[in-house]
Amino acid sequence: MTDGPTTDRSADLESRIAELEQRSWRTSMDQGRSGIETAFWATVHTVFPQEARKHLKVAGREQLMAARVYLDKWIERLDEQEANEEASASREKIDVE
């Protein structure tokens, strides 16, 4: 018998065990994730193939960039309102009798 297939299988199993240990709940908690978040990501990795996860990640990034544009515009409007209020406050009308 040769050591080739057995060694390859052992290395594969050790690699899979190491990956599972990295995804354990304890590791997730140490990284600041909740149990619910860990369960969510485990489900995502189980249900969605790698290519689908890639598209979801890109879509999520696009949504965040859209939110950034919206927030920047909102901040700009608030700054304009504040500037207009300051300008109108400095031009106080005084009635002379």
C-alpha atoms as a PDB file:
ATOM      1  CA  MET A   1       0.000   0.000   0.000  1.00  0.00           C
ATOM      2  CA  THR A   2       1.165   3.560  -0.716  1.00  0.00           C
ATOM      3  CA  ASP A   3       1.062   6.555   1.588  1.00  0.00           C
ATOM      4  CA  GLY A   4      -0.137   8.932  -1.180  1.00  0.00           C
ATOM      5  CA  PRO A   5      -3.945   8.712  -0.950  1.00  0.00           C
ATOM      6  CA  THR A   6      -3.974   8.318   2.844  1.00  0.00           C
ATOM      7  CA  THR A   7      -1.660  11.274   3.338  1.00  0.00           C
ATOM      8  CA  ASP A   8      -3.716  13.413   0.946  1.00  0.00           C
ATOM      9  CA  ARG A   9      -6.913  12.493   2.741  1.00  0.00           C
ATOM     10  CA  SER A  10      -5.390  13.217   6.142  1.00  0.00           C
ATOM     11  CA  ALA A  11      -4.162  16.604   4.976  1.00  0.00           C
ATOM     12  CA  ASP A  12      -7.597  17.372   3.539  1.00  0.00           C
ATOM     13  CA  LEU A  13      -9.316  16.387   6.783  1.00  0.00           C
ATOM     14  CA  GLU A  14      -6.868  18.433   8.860  1.00  0.00           C
ATOM     15  CA  SER A  15      -7.471  21.417   6.601  1.00  0.00           C
ATOM     16  CA  ARG A  16     -11.243  21.068   6.962  1.00  0.00           C
ATOM     17  CA  ILE A  17     -10.956  20.755  10.766  1.00  0.00           C
ATOM     18  CA  ALA A  18      -8.811  23.898  10.898  1.00  0.00           C
ATOM     19  CA  GLU A  19     -11.410  25.763   8.806  1.00  0.00           C
ATOM     20  CA  LEU A  20     -14.227  24.612  11.108  1.00  0.00           C
ATOM     21  CA  GLU A  21     -12.258  25.697  14.160  1.00  0.00           C
ATOM     22  CA  GLN A  22     -11.822  29.137  12.617  1.00  0.00           C
ATOM     23  CA  ARG A  23     -15.595  29.369  12.087  1.00  0.00           C
ATOM     24  CA  SER A  24     -16.504  28.123  15.564  1.00  0.00           C
ATOM     25  CA  TRP A  25     -18.846  30.138  17.762  1.00  0.00           C
ATOM     26  CA  ARG A  26     -16.051  30.786  20.270  1.00  0.00           C
ATOM     27  CA  THR A  27     -13.860  32.363  17.582  1.00  0.00           C
ATOM     28  CA  SER A  28     -16.819  34.426  16.397  1.00  0.00           C
ATOM     29  CA  MET A  29     -17.508  35.637  19.910  1.00  0.00           C
ATOM     30  CA  ASP A  30     -13.834  36.524  20.338  1.00  0.00           C
ATOM     31  CA  GLN A  31     -14.108  38.601  17.145  1.00  0.00           C
ATOM     32  CA  GLY A  32     -17.108  40.461  18.573  1.00  0.00           C
ATOM     33  CA  ARG A  33     -19.848  38.668  16.662  1.00  0.00           C
ATOM     34  CA  SER A  34     -23.074  37.574  18.275  1.00  0.00           C
ATOM     35  CA  GLY A  35     -24.380  34.037  18.025  1.00  0.00           C
ATOM     36  CA  ILE A  36     -27.144  35.231  15.715  1.00  0.00           C
ATOM     37  CA  GLU A  37     -24.657  36.897  13.379  1.00  0.00           C
ATOM     38  CA  THR A  38     -22.511  33.774  13.324  1.00  0.00           C
ATOM     39  CA  ALA A  39     -25.545  31.612  12.547  1.00  0.00           C
ATOM     40  CA  PHE A  40     -26.598  34.025   9.788  1.00  0.00           C
ATOM     41  CA  TRP A  41     -23.213  33.905   8.061  1.00  0.00           C
ATOM     42  CA  ALA A  42     -23.008  30.127   8.450  1.00  0.00           C
ATOM     43  CA  THR A  43     -26.383  29.890   6.712  1.00  0.00           C
ATOM     44  CA  VAL A  44     -25.306  32.269   3.952  1.00  0.00           C
ATOM     45  CA  HIS A  45     -22.171  30.201   3.324  1.00  0.00           C
ATOM     46  CA  THR A  46     -24.215  27.001   3.282  1.00  0.00           C
ATOM     47  CA  VAL A  47     -27.092  28.188   1.082  1.00  0.00           C
ATOM     48  CA  PHE A  48     -25.415  30.523  -1.404  1.00  0.00           C
ATOM     49  CA  PRO A  49     -22.648  29.377  -3.755  1.00  0.00           C
ATOM     50  CA  GLN A  50     -19.413  31.397  -3.859  1.00  0.00           C
ATOM     51  CA  GLU A  51     -20.407  33.245  -7.046  1.00  0.00           C
ATOM     52  CA  ALA A  52     -23.758  34.305  -5.550  1.00  0.00           C
ATOM     53  CA  ARG A  53     -22.010  35.531  -2.374  1.00  0.00           C
ATOM     54  CA  LYS A  54     -19.668  37.578  -4.562  1.00  0.00           C
ATOM     55  CA  HIS A  55     -22.627  39.266  -6.291  1.00  0.00           C
ATOM     56  CA  LEU A  56     -24.360  39.883  -2.959  1.00  0.00           C
ATOM     57  CA  LYS A  57     -21.206  41.516  -1.596  1.00  0.00           C
ATOM     58  CA  VAL A  58     -20.965  43.809  -4.633  1.00  0.00           C
ATOM     59  CA  ALA A  59     -24.677  44.660  -4.350  1.00  0.00           C
ATOM     60  CA  GLY A  60     -24.286  45.443  -0.653  1.00  0.00           C
ATOM     61  CA  ARG A  61     -21.372  47.744  -1.433  1.00  0.00           C
ATOM     62  CA  GLU A  62     -23.451  49.548  -4.052  1.00  0.00           C
ATOM     63  CA  GLN A  63     -26.254  50.037  -1.538  1.00  0.00           C
ATOM     64  CA  LEU A  64     -23.822  51.515   0.971  1.00  0.00           C
ATOM     65  CA  MET A  65     -22.438  53.875  -1.679  1.00  0.00           C
ATOM     66  CA  ALA A  66     -26.001  54.976  -2.516  1.00  0.00           C
ATOM     67  CA  ALA A  67     -26.628  55.640   1.175  1.00  0.00           C
ATOM     68  CA  ARG A  68     -23.406  57.664   1.303  1.00  0.00           C
ATOM     69  CA  VAL A  69     -24.584  59.880  -1.575  1.00  0.00           C
ATOM     70  CA  TYR A  70     -27.955  60.357   0.115  1.00  0.00           C
ATOM     71  CA  LEU A  71     -26.362  61.247   3.452  1.00  0.00           C
ATOM     72  CA  ASP A  72     -23.861  63.625   1.840  1.00  0.00           C
ATOM     73  CA  LYS A  73     -26.716  65.449   0.093  1.00  0.00           C
ATOM     74  CA  TRP A  74     -28.678  65.604   3.355  1.00  0.00           C
ATOM     75  CA  ILE A  75     -25.672  67.033   5.206  1.00  0.00           C
ATOM     76  CA  GLU A  76     -25.160  69.576   2.418  1.00  0.00           C
ATOM     77  CA  ARG A  77     -28.795  70.741   2.760  1.00  0.00           C
ATOM     78  CA  LEU A  78     -28.427  71.077   6.530  1.00  0.00           C
ATOM     79  CA  ASP A  79     -25.249  73.113   6.069  1.00  0.00           C
ATOM     80  CA  GLU A  80     -27.041  75.389   3.569  1.00  0.00           C
ATOM     81  CA  GLN A  81     -29.986  75.881   5.943  1.00  0.00           C
ATOM     82  CA  GLU A  82     -27.614  76.716   8.780  1.00  0.00           C
ATOM     83  CA  ALA A  83     -25.725  79.201   6.613  1.00  0.00           C
ATOM     84  CA  ASN A  84     -29.003  80.837   5.506  1.00  0.00           C
ATOM     85  CA  GLU A  85     -30.193  81.083   9.116  1.00  0.00           C
ATOM     86  CA  GLU A  86     -26.913  82.681  10.177  1.00  0.00           C
ATOM     87  CA  ALA A  87     -27.065  85.129   7.267  1.00  0.00           C
ATOM     88  CA  SER A  88     -30.649  86.147   8.026  1.00  0.00           C
ATOM     89  CA  ALA A  89     -29.868  86.486  11.732  1.00  0.00           C
ATOM     90  CA  SER A  90     -27.048  88.913  11.006  1.00  0.00           C
ATOM     91  CA  ARG A  91     -29.364  91.178   8.950  1.00  0.00           C
ATOM     92  CA  GLU A  92     -31.723  92.258  11.623  1.00  0.00           C
ATOM     93  CA  LYS A  93     -34.232  94.900  10.553  1.00  0.00           C
ATOM     94  CA  ILE A  94     -34.446  97.891  12.836  1.00  0.00           C
ATOM     95  CA  ASP A  95     -37.400 100.237  12.561  1.00  0.00           C
ATOM     96  CA  VAL A  96     -36.526 103.878  12.993  1.00  0.00           C
ATOM     97  CA  GLU A  97     -39.199 106.238  14.331  1.00  0.00           C
END
